[in-house]
Amino acid sequence: MGCAVKQPLEIEQGATFKFKINWFQDDEITPVDLTNYTARMQVRSEVTSTTVLLELTTENGRITMNGASGVIDLYVSATDTAALTFTAGVYDLELVDGSNSDVYRLMYGLIEVSPEVTR
């Protein structure tokens, strides 16, 4: 289940944000069974910032996982992206295995918000 992948993300302000991730075992063929996993992702202006600009979790419904298929979906509604006031930041996505509390950092990187013109 290897090292975290560096992946830049872009959110278009005022538009629905969706991003799909397929998580595989080290053989890159077999999906990781995500049954009983939870996930969390925070966006901050910089790594050391104490202020969370945007949070996606399985608890707040912005991250869903499809069990044995290894599919993780990130989702932020158009209403919520319209309310974003930042233009750039950093993020990482962590998955927590509920059975043994292992934490896996799946991906990380820069995130940009493309400002909405049409409102």
N, C-alpha and C. Protein backbone atom coordinates (compact mmCIF):
# COMPACT_ATOMS: atom_id res chain seq x y z
N MET A 1 0.82 -1.18 0.00
CA MET A 1 0.00 0.00 0.00
C MET A 1 0.86 1.24 0.00
N GLY A 2 2.11 1.11 -0.26
CA GLY A 2 3.08 2.11 -0.62
C GLY A 2 3.00 3.49 -0.01
N CYS A 3 3.77 4.36 -0.61
CA CYS A 3 3.87 5.75 -0.16
C CYS A 3 2.74 6.59 -0.73
N ALA A 4 2.49 7.71 -0.05
CA ALA A 4 1.46 8.64 -0.51
C ALA A 4 1.84 9.21 -1.87
N VAL A 5 0.84 9.49 -2.67
CA VAL A 5 1.02 10.03 -4.02
C VAL A 5 0.83 11.54 -3.96
N LYS A 6 1.75 12.27 -4.58
CA LYS A 6 1.61 13.72 -4.69
C LYS A 6 0.66 14.02 -5.84
N GLN A 7 -0.46 14.70 -5.53
CA GLN A 7 -1.50 14.95 -6.52
C GLN A 7 -2.06 16.36 -6.36
N PRO A 8 -1.79 17.25 -7.30
CA PRO A 8 -2.41 18.58 -7.22
C PRO A 8 -3.90 18.48 -7.49
N LEU A 9 -4.68 19.31 -6.80
CA LEU A 9 -6.13 19.34 -7.00
C LEU A 9 -6.56 20.77 -7.31
N GLU A 10 -7.64 20.90 -8.09
CA GLU A 10 -8.22 22.21 -8.37
C GLU A 10 -9.72 22.15 -8.13
N ILE A 11 -10.20 23.12 -7.38
CA ILE A 11 -11.63 23.27 -7.14
C ILE A 11 -12.09 24.49 -7.92
N GLU A 12 -13.15 24.35 -8.67
CA GLU A 12 -13.74 25.48 -9.38
C GLU A 12 -14.81 26.07 -8.47
N GLN A 13 -14.59 27.28 -8.01
CA GLN A 13 -15.52 27.93 -7.10
C GLN A 13 -16.91 28.01 -7.74
N GLY A 14 -17.94 27.63 -7.00
CA GLY A 14 -19.31 27.68 -7.49
C GLY A 14 -19.74 26.46 -8.29
N ALA A 15 -18.83 25.52 -8.49
CA ALA A 15 -19.14 24.29 -9.22
C ALA A 15 -18.97 23.10 -8.28
N THR A 16 -19.67 22.02 -8.57
CA THR A 16 -19.53 20.80 -7.78
C THR A 16 -18.13 20.23 -7.98
N PHE A 17 -17.47 19.88 -6.89
CA PHE A 17 -16.14 19.26 -6.94
C PHE A 17 -16.30 17.78 -6.69
N LYS A 18 -15.80 16.96 -7.62
CA LYS A 18 -15.78 15.51 -7.48
C LYS A 18 -14.41 15.00 -7.89
N PHE A 19 -13.88 14.05 -7.12
CA PHE A 19 -12.60 13.44 -7.46
C PHE A 19 -12.65 11.99 -7.00
N LYS A 20 -12.33 11.07 -7.90
CA LYS A 20 -12.39 9.63 -7.62
C LYS A 20 -10.98 9.07 -7.51
N ILE A 21 -10.79 8.22 -6.50
CA ILE A 21 -9.50 7.57 -6.26
C ILE A 21 -9.74 6.07 -6.20
N ASN A 22 -8.88 5.31 -6.85
CA ASN A 22 -8.90 3.86 -6.76
C ASN A 22 -7.65 3.44 -6.00
N TRP A 23 -7.84 2.79 -4.84
CA TRP A 23 -6.71 2.39 -4.00
C TRP A 23 -6.48 0.90 -4.17
N PHE A 24 -5.25 0.54 -4.56
CA PHE A 24 -4.90 -0.85 -4.83
C PHE A 24 -3.82 -1.34 -3.88
N GLN A 25 -3.77 -2.66 -3.72
CA GLN A 25 -2.67 -3.30 -3.00
C GLN A 25 -1.37 -3.01 -3.77
N ASP A 26 -0.24 -3.40 -3.20
CA ASP A 26 1.05 -3.16 -3.84
C ASP A 26 1.17 -3.79 -5.22
N ASP A 27 0.37 -4.82 -5.51
CA ASP A 27 0.42 -5.46 -6.83
C ASP A 27 -0.23 -4.58 -7.91
N GLU A 28 -0.86 -3.47 -7.50
CA GLU A 28 -1.51 -2.50 -8.39
C GLU A 28 -2.67 -3.11 -9.20
N ILE A 29 -3.17 -4.25 -8.75
CA ILE A 29 -4.30 -4.92 -9.41
C ILE A 29 -5.45 -5.13 -8.42
N THR A 30 -5.11 -5.60 -7.24
CA THR A 30 -6.11 -5.95 -6.24
C THR A 30 -6.54 -4.72 -5.44
N PRO A 31 -7.84 -4.37 -5.46
CA PRO A 31 -8.29 -3.22 -4.68
C PRO A 31 -8.14 -3.46 -3.18
N VAL A 32 -7.89 -2.39 -2.44
CA VAL A 32 -7.89 -2.47 -0.97
C VAL A 32 -9.35 -2.50 -0.52
N ASP A 33 -9.69 -3.44 0.32
CA ASP A 33 -11.05 -3.53 0.85
C ASP A 33 -11.22 -2.44 1.90
N LEU A 34 -12.06 -1.47 1.62
CA LEU A 34 -12.25 -0.30 2.48
C LEU A 34 -13.38 -0.47 3.49
N THR A 35 -13.91 -1.67 3.61
CA THR A 35 -14.94 -1.93 4.61
C THR A 35 -14.37 -1.60 5.99
N ASN A 36 -15.11 -0.83 6.76
CA ASN A 36 -14.75 -0.40 8.12
C ASN A 36 -13.67 0.69 8.15
N TYR A 37 -13.26 1.22 7.02
CA TYR A 37 -12.33 2.35 7.01
C TYR A 37 -13.09 3.65 7.17
N THR A 38 -12.43 4.66 7.70
CA THR A 38 -12.91 6.03 7.66
C THR A 38 -11.83 6.85 6.96
N ALA A 39 -12.21 8.04 6.51
CA ALA A 39 -11.25 8.88 5.80
C ALA A 39 -11.38 10.32 6.26
N ARG A 40 -10.27 11.05 6.14
CA ARG A 40 -10.26 12.46 6.52
C ARG A 40 -9.28 13.22 5.63
N MET A 41 -9.66 14.45 5.32
CA MET A 41 -8.83 15.31 4.49
C MET A 41 -9.02 16.74 4.98
N GLN A 42 -7.93 17.44 5.19
CA GLN A 42 -8.00 18.85 5.58
C GLN A 42 -7.18 19.68 4.61
N VAL A 43 -7.68 20.90 4.37
CA VAL A 43 -6.96 21.89 3.56
C VAL A 43 -6.57 23.01 4.51
N ARG A 44 -5.31 23.41 4.44
CA ARG A 44 -4.79 24.52 5.23
C ARG A 44 -3.98 25.43 4.31
N SER A 45 -3.78 26.66 4.72
CA SER A 45 -3.00 27.59 3.89
C SER A 45 -1.56 27.13 3.74
N GLU A 46 -1.02 26.53 4.78
CA GLU A 46 0.31 25.91 4.76
C GLU A 46 0.32 24.81 5.81
N VAL A 47 1.29 23.94 5.74
CA VAL A 47 1.34 22.77 6.61
C VAL A 47 1.27 23.15 8.09
N THR A 48 1.93 24.22 8.49
CA THR A 48 2.01 24.59 9.89
C THR A 48 0.82 25.41 10.40
N SER A 49 -0.11 25.77 9.52
CA SER A 49 -1.26 26.57 9.91
C SER A 49 -2.19 25.78 10.84
N THR A 50 -2.76 26.47 11.82
CA THR A 50 -3.73 25.83 12.73
C THR A 50 -5.16 25.98 12.22
N THR A 51 -5.36 26.76 11.16
CA THR A 51 -6.69 27.02 10.62
C THR A 51 -7.01 26.04 9.49
N VAL A 52 -8.12 25.33 9.62
CA VAL A 52 -8.59 24.43 8.58
C VAL A 52 -9.49 25.23 7.65
N LEU A 53 -9.13 25.29 6.36
CA LEU A 53 -9.90 26.03 5.36
C LEU A 53 -11.06 25.22 4.79
N LEU A 54 -10.86 23.92 4.71
CA LEU A 54 -11.87 23.01 4.16
C LEU A 54 -11.61 21.63 4.73
N GLU A 55 -12.68 20.93 5.11
CA GLU A 55 -12.52 19.59 5.65
C GLU A 55 -13.47 18.63 4.97
N LEU A 56 -12.93 17.51 4.55
CA LEU A 56 -13.73 16.44 3.97
C LEU A 56 -13.50 15.20 4.84
N THR A 57 -14.58 14.55 5.24
CA THR A 57 -14.48 13.33 6.03
C THR A 57 -15.62 12.38 5.63
N THR A 58 -15.48 11.14 6.04
CA THR A 58 -16.59 10.22 5.85
C THR A 58 -17.74 10.62 6.77
N GLU A 59 -17.42 11.22 7.90
CA GLU A 59 -18.47 11.64 8.84
C GLU A 59 -19.29 12.82 8.31
N ASN A 60 -18.67 13.76 7.59
CA ASN A 60 -19.44 14.91 7.09
C ASN A 60 -20.00 14.68 5.68
N GLY A 61 -19.81 13.46 5.15
CA GLY A 61 -20.38 13.09 3.86
C GLY A 61 -19.63 13.58 2.64
N ARG A 62 -18.51 14.21 2.84
CA ARG A 62 -17.73 14.71 1.70
C ARG A 62 -16.75 13.67 1.17
N ILE A 63 -16.63 12.55 1.89
CA ILE A 63 -15.85 11.41 1.40
C ILE A 63 -16.73 10.18 1.54
N THR A 64 -16.86 9.42 0.45
CA THR A 64 -17.55 8.13 0.51
C THR A 64 -16.60 7.06 -0.01
N MET A 65 -16.77 5.85 0.53
CA MET A 65 -15.93 4.73 0.11
C MET A 65 -16.82 3.55 -0.21
N ASN A 66 -16.40 2.80 -1.22
CA ASN A 66 -17.23 1.72 -1.74
C ASN A 66 -16.67 0.34 -1.40
N GLY A 67 -16.47 0.10 -0.12
CA GLY A 67 -16.11 -1.23 0.39
C GLY A 67 -15.00 -1.94 -0.35
N ALA A 68 -15.29 -3.14 -0.84
CA ALA A 68 -14.29 -4.01 -1.43
C ALA A 68 -13.73 -3.50 -2.76
N SER A 69 -14.39 -2.53 -3.38
CA SER A 69 -13.93 -2.03 -4.69
C SER A 69 -12.71 -1.13 -4.60
N GLY A 70 -12.38 -0.64 -3.40
CA GLY A 70 -11.23 0.24 -3.23
C GLY A 70 -11.44 1.64 -3.76
N VAL A 71 -12.68 2.03 -4.02
CA VAL A 71 -12.98 3.35 -4.60
C VAL A 71 -13.30 4.35 -3.49
N ILE A 72 -12.67 5.52 -3.59
CA ILE A 72 -12.88 6.62 -2.66
C ILE A 72 -13.34 7.81 -3.49
N ASP A 73 -14.45 8.42 -3.09
CA ASP A 73 -14.97 9.59 -3.79
C ASP A 73 -14.92 10.81 -2.89
N LEU A 74 -14.31 11.88 -3.39
CA LEU A 74 -14.32 13.17 -2.72
C LEU A 74 -15.42 14.01 -3.34
N TYR A 75 -16.14 14.77 -2.51
CA TYR A 75 -17.28 15.54 -3.01
C TYR A 75 -17.46 16.81 -2.17
N VAL A 76 -17.58 17.95 -2.87
CA VAL A 76 -17.95 19.21 -2.24
C VAL A 76 -19.01 19.84 -3.13
N SER A 77 -20.15 20.20 -2.54
CA SER A 77 -21.27 20.74 -3.32
C SER A 77 -20.93 22.09 -3.93
N ALA A 78 -21.66 22.46 -4.96
CA ALA A 78 -21.49 23.76 -5.61
C ALA A 78 -21.74 24.90 -4.61
N THR A 79 -22.73 24.73 -3.75
CA THR A 79 -23.01 25.75 -2.73
C THR A 79 -21.81 25.94 -1.80
N ASP A 80 -21.20 24.83 -1.40
CA ASP A 80 -20.04 24.91 -0.50
C ASP A 80 -18.80 25.47 -1.21
N THR A 81 -18.59 25.12 -2.47
CA THR A 81 -17.41 25.68 -3.17
C THR A 81 -17.60 27.16 -3.44
N ALA A 82 -18.85 27.60 -3.63
CA ALA A 82 -19.12 29.02 -3.85
C ALA A 82 -18.73 29.85 -2.63
N ALA A 83 -18.79 29.24 -1.46
CA ALA A 83 -18.49 29.94 -0.21
C ALA A 83 -17.00 29.96 0.13
N LEU A 84 -16.18 29.26 -0.65
CA LEU A 84 -14.74 29.22 -0.35
C LEU A 84 -14.13 30.60 -0.54
N THR A 85 -13.28 31.00 0.40
CA THR A 85 -12.64 32.32 0.33
C THR A 85 -11.13 32.24 0.11
N PHE A 86 -10.58 31.04 0.11
CA PHE A 86 -9.14 30.91 -0.13
C PHE A 86 -8.87 30.61 -1.60
N THR A 87 -7.66 30.87 -2.05
CA THR A 87 -7.30 30.61 -3.45
C THR A 87 -6.30 29.47 -3.60
N ALA A 88 -5.58 29.14 -2.52
CA ALA A 88 -4.59 28.07 -2.60
C ALA A 88 -4.29 27.55 -1.21
N GLY A 89 -3.83 26.32 -1.16
CA GLY A 89 -3.47 25.71 0.11
C GLY A 89 -2.81 24.37 -0.11
N VAL A 90 -2.65 23.64 0.98
CA VAL A 90 -2.08 22.29 0.95
C VAL A 90 -3.08 21.35 1.61
N TYR A 91 -3.00 20.07 1.27
CA TYR A 91 -3.92 19.08 1.82
C TYR A 91 -3.21 17.74 1.92
N ASP A 92 -3.81 16.85 2.70
CA ASP A 92 -3.49 15.44 2.58
C ASP A 92 -4.76 14.65 2.89
N LEU A 93 -4.77 13.42 2.41
CA LEU A 93 -5.91 12.52 2.58
C LEU A 93 -5.41 11.30 3.34
N GLU A 94 -6.05 11.03 4.48
CA GLU A 94 -5.67 9.89 5.31
C GLU A 94 -6.84 8.92 5.43
N LEU A 95 -6.52 7.64 5.44
CA LEU A 95 -7.51 6.60 5.67
C LEU A 95 -7.15 5.88 6.96
N VAL A 96 -8.17 5.59 7.76
CA VAL A 96 -7.97 4.93 9.05
C VAL A 96 -8.68 3.59 9.01
N ASP A 97 -7.92 2.52 9.26
CA ASP A 97 -8.46 1.17 9.31
C ASP A 97 -9.11 0.97 10.67
N GLY A 98 -10.43 0.80 10.68
CA GLY A 98 -11.18 0.68 11.93
C GLY A 98 -10.84 -0.53 12.76
N SER A 99 -10.32 -1.59 12.15
CA SER A 99 -10.06 -2.81 12.91
C SER A 99 -8.77 -2.77 13.71
N ASN A 100 -7.77 -2.01 13.22
CA ASN A 100 -6.52 -1.97 13.99
C ASN A 100 -5.94 -0.56 14.12
N SER A 101 -6.71 0.44 13.76
CA SER A 101 -6.34 1.85 13.93
C SER A 101 -5.07 2.27 13.18
N ASP A 102 -4.68 1.54 12.14
CA ASP A 102 -3.58 1.99 11.29
C ASP A 102 -4.05 3.17 10.46
N VAL A 103 -3.17 4.14 10.26
CA VAL A 103 -3.48 5.31 9.43
C VAL A 103 -2.60 5.27 8.19
N TYR A 104 -3.22 5.45 7.04
CA TYR A 104 -2.51 5.45 5.77
C TYR A 104 -2.67 6.82 5.13
N ARG A 105 -1.57 7.46 4.81
CA ARG A 105 -1.61 8.74 4.08
C ARG A 105 -1.62 8.38 2.60
N LEU A 106 -2.74 8.59 1.96
CA LEU A 106 -2.94 8.12 0.59
C LEU A 106 -2.42 9.10 -0.45
N MET A 107 -2.72 10.40 -0.25
CA MET A 107 -2.24 11.40 -1.20
C MET A 107 -2.13 12.76 -0.51
N TYR A 108 -1.40 13.66 -1.16
CA TYR A 108 -1.16 14.98 -0.60
C TYR A 108 -0.79 15.91 -1.74
N GLY A 109 -0.77 17.20 -1.45
CA GLY A 109 -0.32 18.14 -2.47
C GLY A 109 -0.90 19.53 -2.31
N LEU A 110 -0.77 20.28 -3.36
CA LEU A 110 -1.31 21.63 -3.43
C LEU A 110 -2.74 21.58 -3.92
N ILE A 111 -3.55 22.52 -3.45
CA ILE A 111 -4.92 22.63 -3.91
C ILE A 111 -5.18 24.09 -4.25
N GLU A 112 -5.78 24.32 -5.40
CA GLU A 112 -6.08 25.68 -5.84
C GLU A 112 -7.58 25.82 -6.03
N VAL A 113 -8.07 27.03 -5.79
CA VAL A 113 -9.47 27.35 -6.06
C VAL A 113 -9.51 28.35 -7.20
N SER A 114 -10.14 27.94 -8.28
CA SER A 114 -10.30 28.81 -9.45
C SER A 114 -11.53 29.70 -9.19
N PRO A 115 -11.35 31.03 -9.12
CA PRO A 115 -12.47 31.91 -8.75
C PRO A 115 -13.60 31.87 -9.76
N GLU A 116 -14.81 31.93 -9.22
CA GLU A 116 -16.02 31.95 -10.04
C GLU A 116 -16.23 33.34 -10.62
N VAL A 117 -16.53 33.42 -11.88
CA VAL A 117 -16.83 34.68 -12.56
C VAL A 117 -18.34 34.85 -12.68
N THR A 118 -19.01 33.81 -13.14
CA THR A 118 -20.46 33.86 -13.34
C THR A 118 -21.15 33.51 -12.03
N ARG A 119 -21.95 34.46 -11.50
CA ARG A 119 -22.65 34.22 -10.24
C ARG A 119 -24.08 34.67 -10.37
